[in-house]
PDB file of N, CA and C in Angstrom:
ATOM      1  N   UNK A   1      13.605  22.846 -24.916  1.00  0.00           N
ATOM      2  CA  UNK A   1      13.005  24.045 -23.935  1.00  0.00           C
ATOM      3  C   UNK A   1      12.421  24.293 -22.614  1.00  0.00           C
ATOM      4  N   UNK A   2      12.042  24.716 -21.590  1.00  0.00           N
ATOM      5  CA  UNK A   2      12.187  24.829 -20.205  1.00  0.00           C
ATOM      6  C   UNK A   2      11.039  26.280 -19.972  1.00  0.00           C
ATOM      7  N   UNK A   3       9.811  25.718 -19.039  1.00  0.00           N
ATOM      8  CA  UNK A   3       9.010  27.500 -19.047  1.00  0.00           C
ATOM      9  C   UNK A   3       9.584  27.429 -17.460  1.00  0.00           C
ATOM     10  N   UNK A   4       9.839  29.065 -17.643  1.00  0.00           N
ATOM     11  CA  UNK A   4       9.955  29.381 -15.848  1.00  0.00           C
ATOM     12  C   UNK A   4       9.037  29.797 -16.047  1.00  0.00           C
ATOM     13  N   UNK A   5       8.647  29.531 -14.252  1.00  0.00           N
ATOM     14  CA  UNK A   5       7.779  29.898 -13.223  1.00  0.00           C
ATOM     15  C   UNK A   5       7.821  30.253 -12.424  1.00  0.00           C
ATOM     16  N   UNK A   6       6.821  31.512 -11.751  1.00  0.00           N
ATOM     17  CA  UNK A   6       7.411  32.970 -10.791  1.00  0.00           C
ATOM     18  C   UNK A   6       7.128  31.701  -9.631  1.00  0.00           C
ATOM     19  N   UNK A   7       7.882  32.703  -8.930  1.00  0.00           N
ATOM     20  CA  UNK A   7       8.579  32.262  -7.332  1.00  0.00           C
ATOM     21  C   UNK A   7       7.703  33.697  -7.411  1.00  0.00           C
ATOM     22  N   UNK A   8       6.618  33.284  -6.082  1.00  0.00           N
ATOM     23  CA  UNK A   8       5.849  33.835  -6.127  1.00  0.00           C
ATOM     24  C   UNK A   8       5.671  34.313  -4.462  1.00  0.00           C
ATOM     25  N   UNK A   9       6.264  35.160  -4.059  1.00  0.00           N
ATOM     26  CA  UNK A   9       6.264  36.438  -2.877  1.00  0.00           C
ATOM     27  C   UNK A   9       5.625  36.970  -2.164  1.00  0.00           C
ATOM     28  N   UNK A  10       5.459  37.537  -0.655  1.00  0.00           N
ATOM     29  CA  UNK A  10       5.405  38.986  -0.587  1.00  0.00           C
ATOM     30  C   UNK A  10       5.699  39.623   0.430  1.00  0.00           C
ATOM     31  N   UNK A  11       5.837  40.765   0.932  1.00  0.00           N
ATOM     32  CA  UNK A  11       6.330  41.355   1.477  1.00  0.00           C
ATOM     33  C   UNK A  11       6.448  41.014   2.890  1.00  0.00           C
ATOM     34  N   UNK A  12       7.607  41.225   4.079  1.00  0.00           N
ATOM     35  CA  UNK A  12       8.044  41.040   5.301  1.00  0.00           C
ATOM     36  C   UNK A  12       7.152  41.907   5.751  1.00  0.00           C
ATOM     37  N   UNK A  13       6.652  42.313   4.969  1.00  0.00           N
ATOM     38  CA  UNK A  13       5.783  43.456   6.344  1.00  0.00           C
ATOM     39  C   UNK A  13       4.816  43.583   6.217  1.00  0.00           C
ATOM     40  N   UNK A  14       4.480  42.342   6.055  1.00  0.00           N
ATOM     41  CA  UNK A  14       3.114  41.898   5.492  1.00  0.00           C
ATOM     42  C   UNK A  14       2.158  41.665   6.412  1.00  0.00           C
ATOM     43  N   UNK A  15       1.088  41.926   7.293  1.00  0.00           N
ATOM     44  CA  UNK A  15       0.669  41.781   8.722  1.00  0.00           C
ATOM     45  C   UNK A  15      -0.099  40.620   8.648  1.00  0.00           C
ATOM     46  N   UNK A  16      -0.712  39.906   7.343  1.00  0.00           N
ATOM     47  CA  UNK A  16      -1.526  38.802   7.973  1.00  0.00           C
ATOM     48  C   UNK A  16      -3.133  39.316   7.870  1.00  0.00           C
ATOM     49  N   UNK A  17      -3.403  40.533   7.487  1.00  0.00           N
ATOM     50  CA  UNK A  17      -4.534  41.120   8.132  1.00  0.00           C
ATOM     51  C   UNK A  17      -5.372  40.834   5.973  1.00  0.00           C
ATOM     52  N   UNK A  18      -4.873  39.852   5.617  1.00  0.00           N
ATOM     53  CA  UNK A  18      -5.649  39.667   3.976  1.00  0.00           C
ATOM     54  C   UNK A  18      -5.570  40.335   2.862  1.00  0.00           C
ATOM     55  N   UNK A  19      -4.697  41.642   3.130  1.00  0.00           N
ATOM     56  CA  UNK A  19      -4.993  42.632   1.858  1.00  0.00           C
ATOM     57  C   UNK A  19      -3.355  42.935   1.562  1.00  0.00           C
ATOM     58  N   UNK A  20      -3.340  41.445   0.935  1.00  0.00           N
ATOM     59  CA  UNK A  20      -1.655  41.360   0.875  1.00  0.00           C
ATOM     60  C   UNK A  20      -1.469  40.838  -0.810  1.00  0.00           C
ATOM     61  N   UNK A  21      -0.417  41.782  -1.972  1.00  0.00           N
ATOM     62  CA  UNK A  21      -0.660  40.738  -2.919  1.00  0.00           C
ATOM     63  C   UNK A  21       0.760  40.364  -3.215  1.00  0.00           C
ATOM     64  N   UNK A  22       1.108  38.919  -3.731  1.00  0.00           N
ATOM     65  CA  UNK A  22       2.098  38.716  -3.626  1.00  0.00           C
ATOM     66  C   UNK A  22       2.939  38.784  -5.291  1.00  0.00           C
ATOM     67  N   UNK A  23       4.032  39.041  -5.091  1.00  0.00           N
ATOM     68  CA  UNK A  23       4.427  39.299  -6.536  1.00  0.00           C
ATOM     69  C   UNK A  23       6.141  38.381  -7.063  1.00  0.00           C
ATOM     70  N   UNK A  24       5.907  38.073  -8.466  1.00  0.00           N
ATOM     71  CA  UNK A  24       7.290  36.787  -9.047  1.00  0.00           C
ATOM     72  C   UNK A  24       8.314  37.884  -9.489  1.00  0.00           C
ATOM     73  N   UNK A  25       9.287  38.329  -8.666  1.00  0.00           N
ATOM     74  CA  UNK A  25       9.924  39.966  -9.791  1.00  0.00           C
ATOM     75  C   UNK A  25      11.161  38.610 -10.215  1.00  0.00           C
ATOM     76  N   UNK A  26      11.332  37.298 -10.288  1.00  0.00           N
ATOM     77  CA  UNK A  26      12.219  36.069 -10.571  1.00  0.00           C
ATOM     78  C   UNK A  26      11.981  36.384 -12.300  1.00  0.00           C
ATOM     79  N   UNK A  27      10.561  37.393 -12.760  1.00  0.00           N
ATOM     80  CA  UNK A  27      10.488  37.205 -14.161  1.00  0.00           C
ATOM     81  C   UNK A  27      11.227  38.123 -14.960  1.00  0.00           C
ATOM     82  N   UNK A  28      11.258  38.907 -14.645  1.00  0.00           N
ATOM     83  CA  UNK A  28      12.246  40.073 -14.963  1.00  0.00           C
ATOM     84  C   UNK A  28      12.465  40.318 -15.591  1.00  0.00           C
ATOM     85  N   UNK A  29      14.020  39.957 -15.440  1.00  0.00           N
ATOM     86  CA  UNK A  29      14.998  39.432 -16.250  1.00  0.00           C
ATOM     87  C   UNK A  29      15.112  39.137 -17.891  1.00  0.00           C
ATOM     88  N   UNK A  30      14.212  38.123 -17.824  1.00  0.00           N
ATOM     89  CA  UNK A  30      13.707  36.838 -19.125  1.00  0.00           C
ATOM     90  C   UNK A  30      12.863  37.274 -19.798  1.00  0.00           C
ATOM     91  N   UNK A  31      11.606  37.822 -18.865  1.00  0.00           N
ATOM     92  CA  UNK A  31      10.751  38.046 -19.726  1.00  0.00           C
ATOM     93  C   UNK A  31       9.891  39.613 -20.204  1.00  0.00           C
ATOM     94  N   UNK A  32      10.670  40.257 -18.954  1.00  0.00           N
ATOM     95  CA  UNK A  32      10.319  41.975 -19.035  1.00  0.00           C
ATOM     96  C   UNK A  32       9.079  42.383 -17.874  1.00  0.00           C
ATOM     97  N   UNK A  33       8.598  41.534 -17.072  1.00  0.00           N
ATOM     98  CA  UNK A  33       7.540  41.922 -16.453  1.00  0.00           C
ATOM     99  C   UNK A  33       7.661  41.768 -15.017  1.00  0.00           C
ATOM    100  N   UNK A  34       7.003  41.764 -14.048  1.00  0.00           N
ATOM    101  CA  UNK A  34       6.266  41.212 -12.822  1.00  0.00           C
ATOM    102  C   UNK A  34       5.053  40.892 -12.194  1.00  0.00           C
ATOM    103  N   UNK A  35       4.793  39.597 -12.878  1.00  0.00           N
ATOM    104  CA  UNK A  35       3.669  39.603 -12.210  1.00  0.00           C
ATOM    105  C   UNK A  35       3.074  39.684 -10.776  1.00  0.00           C
ATOM    106  N   UNK A  36       2.139  40.208 -10.238  1.00  0.00           N
ATOM    107  CA  UNK A  36       1.498  40.299  -9.482  1.00  0.00           C
ATOM    108  C   UNK A  36       0.159  39.396  -9.206  1.00  0.00           C
ATOM    109  N   UNK A  37      -0.409  39.135  -7.662  1.00  0.00           N
ATOM    110  CA  UNK A  37      -1.592  38.483  -7.691  1.00  0.00           C
ATOM    111  C   UNK A  37      -2.021  38.795  -6.833  1.00  0.00           C
ATOM    112  N   UNK A  38      -3.451  38.627  -6.263  1.00  0.00           N
ATOM    113  CA  UNK A  38      -3.988  38.566  -4.776  1.00  0.00           C
ATOM    114  C   UNK A  38      -3.356  37.480  -3.807  1.00  0.00           C
ATOM    115  N   UNK A  39      -2.610  36.949  -2.728  1.00  0.00           N
ATOM    116  CA  UNK A  39      -2.376  36.408  -2.093  1.00  0.00           C
ATOM    117  C   UNK A  39      -3.626  35.751  -1.283  1.00  0.00           C
ATOM    118  N   UNK A  40      -4.720  36.180  -1.292  1.00  0.00           N
ATOM    119  CA  UNK A  40      -5.922  35.516  -0.507  1.00  0.00           C
ATOM    120  C   UNK A  40      -6.901  34.701  -2.051  1.00  0.00           C
ATOM    121  N   UNK A  41      -6.149  34.732  -3.519  1.00  0.00           N
ATOM    122  CA  UNK A  41      -6.319  34.114  -4.099  1.00  0.00           C
ATOM    123  C   UNK A  41      -5.248  33.117  -5.153  1.00  0.00           C
ATOM    124  N   UNK A  42      -4.144  32.604  -4.531  1.00  0.00           N
ATOM    125  CA  UNK A  42      -3.351  32.747  -5.281  1.00  0.00           C
ATOM    126  C   UNK A  42      -3.297  31.705  -6.393  1.00  0.00           C
ATOM    127  N   UNK A  43      -5.088  31.158  -6.933  1.00  0.00           N
ATOM    128  CA  UNK A  43      -5.018  30.040  -8.335  1.00  0.00           C
ATOM    129  C   UNK A  43      -5.809  30.901  -9.222  1.00  0.00           C
ATOM    130  N   UNK A  44      -6.558  32.801  -8.485  1.00  0.00           N
ATOM    131  CA  UNK A  44      -6.681  33.371  -9.994  1.00  0.00           C
ATOM    132  C   UNK A  44      -5.643  33.877 -10.171  1.00  0.00           C
ATOM    133  N   UNK A  45      -6.561  34.827 -11.309  1.00  0.00           N
ATOM    134  CA  UNK A  45      -5.368  35.794 -12.227  1.00  0.00           C
ATOM    135  C   UNK A  45      -3.888  36.810 -11.572  1.00  0.00           C
ATOM    136  N   UNK A  46      -3.353  37.051 -12.715  1.00  0.00           N
ATOM    137  CA  UNK A  46      -2.337  37.883 -12.050  1.00  0.00           C
ATOM    138  C   UNK A  46      -2.082  38.614 -12.827  1.00  0.00           C
ATOM    139  N   UNK A  47      -1.575  40.125 -12.672  1.00  0.00           N
ATOM    140  CA  UNK A  47      -1.588  41.172 -13.158  1.00  0.00           C
ATOM    141  C   UNK A  47       0.228  40.879 -13.724  1.00  0.00           C
ATOM    142  N   UNK A  48      -0.037  41.290 -14.993  1.00  0.00           N
ATOM    143  CA  UNK A  48       2.038  40.902 -16.028  1.00  0.00           C
ATOM    144  C   UNK A  48       2.320  42.524 -15.907  1.00  0.00           C
ATOM    145  N   UNK A  49       3.127  43.509 -15.401  1.00  0.00           N
ATOM    146  CA  UNK A  49       3.245  44.407 -15.210  1.00  0.00           C
ATOM    147  C   UNK A  49       4.915  45.084 -15.456  1.00  0.00           C
ATOM    148  N   UNK A  50       4.279  45.282 -16.772  1.00  0.00           N
ATOM    149  CA  UNK A  50       6.245  45.366 -16.911  1.00  0.00           C
ATOM    150  C   UNK A  50       7.506  45.801 -15.979  1.00  0.00           C
ATOM    151  N   UNK A  51       8.238  45.349 -16.166  1.00  0.00           N
ATOM    152  CA  UNK A  51       9.029  45.357 -15.049  1.00  0.00           C
ATOM    153  C   UNK A  51       9.269  47.245 -15.036  1.00  0.00           C
ATOM    154  N   UNK A  52       9.761  47.998 -15.479  1.00  0.00           N
ATOM    155  CA  UNK A  52       9.709  49.770 -15.228  1.00  0.00           C
ATOM    156  C   UNK A  52       8.991  49.745 -14.993  1.00  0.00           C
ATOM    157  N   UNK A  53       7.542  49.620 -15.570  1.00  0.00           N
ATOM    158  CA  UNK A  53       6.271  50.396 -14.727  1.00  0.00           C
ATOM    159  C   UNK A  53       6.422  50.094 -13.100  1.00  0.00           C
ATOM    160  N   UNK A  54       6.481  48.566 -13.080  1.00  0.00           N
ATOM    161  CA  UNK A  54       6.876  48.366 -11.354  1.00  0.00           C
ATOM    162  C   UNK A  54       7.725  48.769 -10.267  1.00  0.00           C
ATOM    163  N   UNK A  55       9.084  49.120 -10.986  1.00  0.00           N
ATOM    164  CA  UNK A  55       9.957  49.638 -10.080  1.00  0.00           C
ATOM    165  C   UNK A  55      10.009  51.040 -10.037  1.00  0.00           C
ATOM    166  N   UNK A  56       9.138  52.369 -10.979  1.00  0.00           N
ATOM    167  CA  UNK A  56       8.283  52.879 -10.820  1.00  0.00           C
ATOM    168  C   UNK A  56       7.253  53.104  -9.508  1.00  0.00           C
ATOM    169  N   UNK A  57       6.867  52.307  -9.807  1.00  0.00           N
ATOM    170  CA  UNK A  57       5.529  51.996  -8.807  1.00  0.00           C
ATOM    171  C   UNK A  57       5.902  51.915  -6.950  1.00  0.00           C
ATOM    172  N   UNK A  58       6.682  51.113  -7.181  1.00  0.00           N
ATOM    173  CA  UNK A  58       7.621  50.900  -6.088  1.00  0.00           C
ATOM    174  C   UNK A  58       8.043  52.355  -5.316  1.00  0.00           C
ATOM    175  N   UNK A  59       9.384  53.273  -6.334  1.00  0.00           N
ATOM    176  CA  UNK A  59       9.611  54.347  -5.845  1.00  0.00           C
ATOM    177  C   UNK A  59       8.817  54.905  -5.805  1.00  0.00           C
ATOM    178  N   UNK A  60       7.700  55.136  -5.968  1.00  0.00           N
ATOM    179  CA  UNK A  60       6.343  56.167  -5.870  1.00  0.00           C
ATOM    180  C   UNK A  60       6.051  56.153  -4.314  1.00  0.00           C
ATOM    181  N   UNK A  61       5.896  54.110  -4.014  1.00  0.00           N
ATOM    182  CA  UNK A  61       5.541  54.412  -2.739  1.00  0.00           C
ATOM    183  C   UNK A  61       6.324  54.751  -1.861  1.00  0.00           C
ATOM    184  N   UNK A  62       8.003  53.757  -1.806  1.00  0.00           N
ATOM    185  CA  UNK A  62       8.597  54.462  -0.908  1.00  0.00           C
ATOM    186  C   UNK A  62       9.168  55.885  -0.728  1.00  0.00           C
ATOM    187  N   UNK A  63       8.515  56.965  -1.318  1.00  0.00           N
ATOM    188  CA  UNK A  63       8.880  58.089  -1.410  1.00  0.00           C
ATOM    189  C   UNK A  63       7.289  58.856  -0.738  1.00  0.00           C
ATOM    190  N   UNK A  64       6.087  58.123  -0.511  1.00  0.00           N
ATOM    191  CA  UNK A  64       5.310  58.114  -0.222  1.00  0.00           C
ATOM    192  C   UNK A  64       3.884  59.049  -0.477  1.00  0.00           C
ATOM    193  N   UNK A  65       4.158  58.407  -2.312  1.00  0.00           N
ATOM    194  CA  UNK A  65       3.276  58.476  -2.728  1.00  0.00           C
ATOM    195  C   UNK A  65       1.583  57.324  -2.801  1.00  0.00           C
ATOM    196  N   UNK A  66       0.686  57.766  -3.068  1.00  0.00           N
ATOM    197  CA  UNK A  66      -0.043  56.722  -3.242  1.00  0.00           C
ATOM    198  C   UNK A  66      -0.732  56.373  -1.271  1.00  0.00           C
ATOM    199  N   UNK A  67      -0.532  57.453  -0.812  1.00  0.00           N
ATOM    200  CA  UNK A  67      -0.814  57.230   0.638  1.00  0.00           C
ATOM    201  C   UNK A  67       0.312  56.224   1.947  1.00  0.00           C
ATOM    202  N   UNK A  68       1.036  56.727   0.851  1.00  0.00           N
ATOM    203  CA  UNK A  68       1.707  55.546   1.540  1.00  0.00           C
ATOM    204  C   UNK A  68       3.032  55.814   2.797  1.00  0.00           C
ATOM    205  N   UNK A  69       3.339  54.982   3.255  1.00  0.00           N
ATOM    206  CA  UNK A  69       4.485  55.901   4.503  1.00  0.00           C
ATOM    207  C   UNK A  69       5.625  56.895   4.508  1.00  0.00           C
TER     208      UNK A  69
END
């Protein structure tokens, strides 16, 4: 059996100012989670968010919630 590893990436909107997170959406279909980690500390802990919660969060940010654009 093979274990799928997260494929980390950060937004193309990232300005490199050190306030970024990385996500690994490749695990959503098989595990139902979207891991999130601090881009400054890739060896540190990651939060495994339920995919539905992550989708709701992103939609809220896109709609201007949480002080977004």
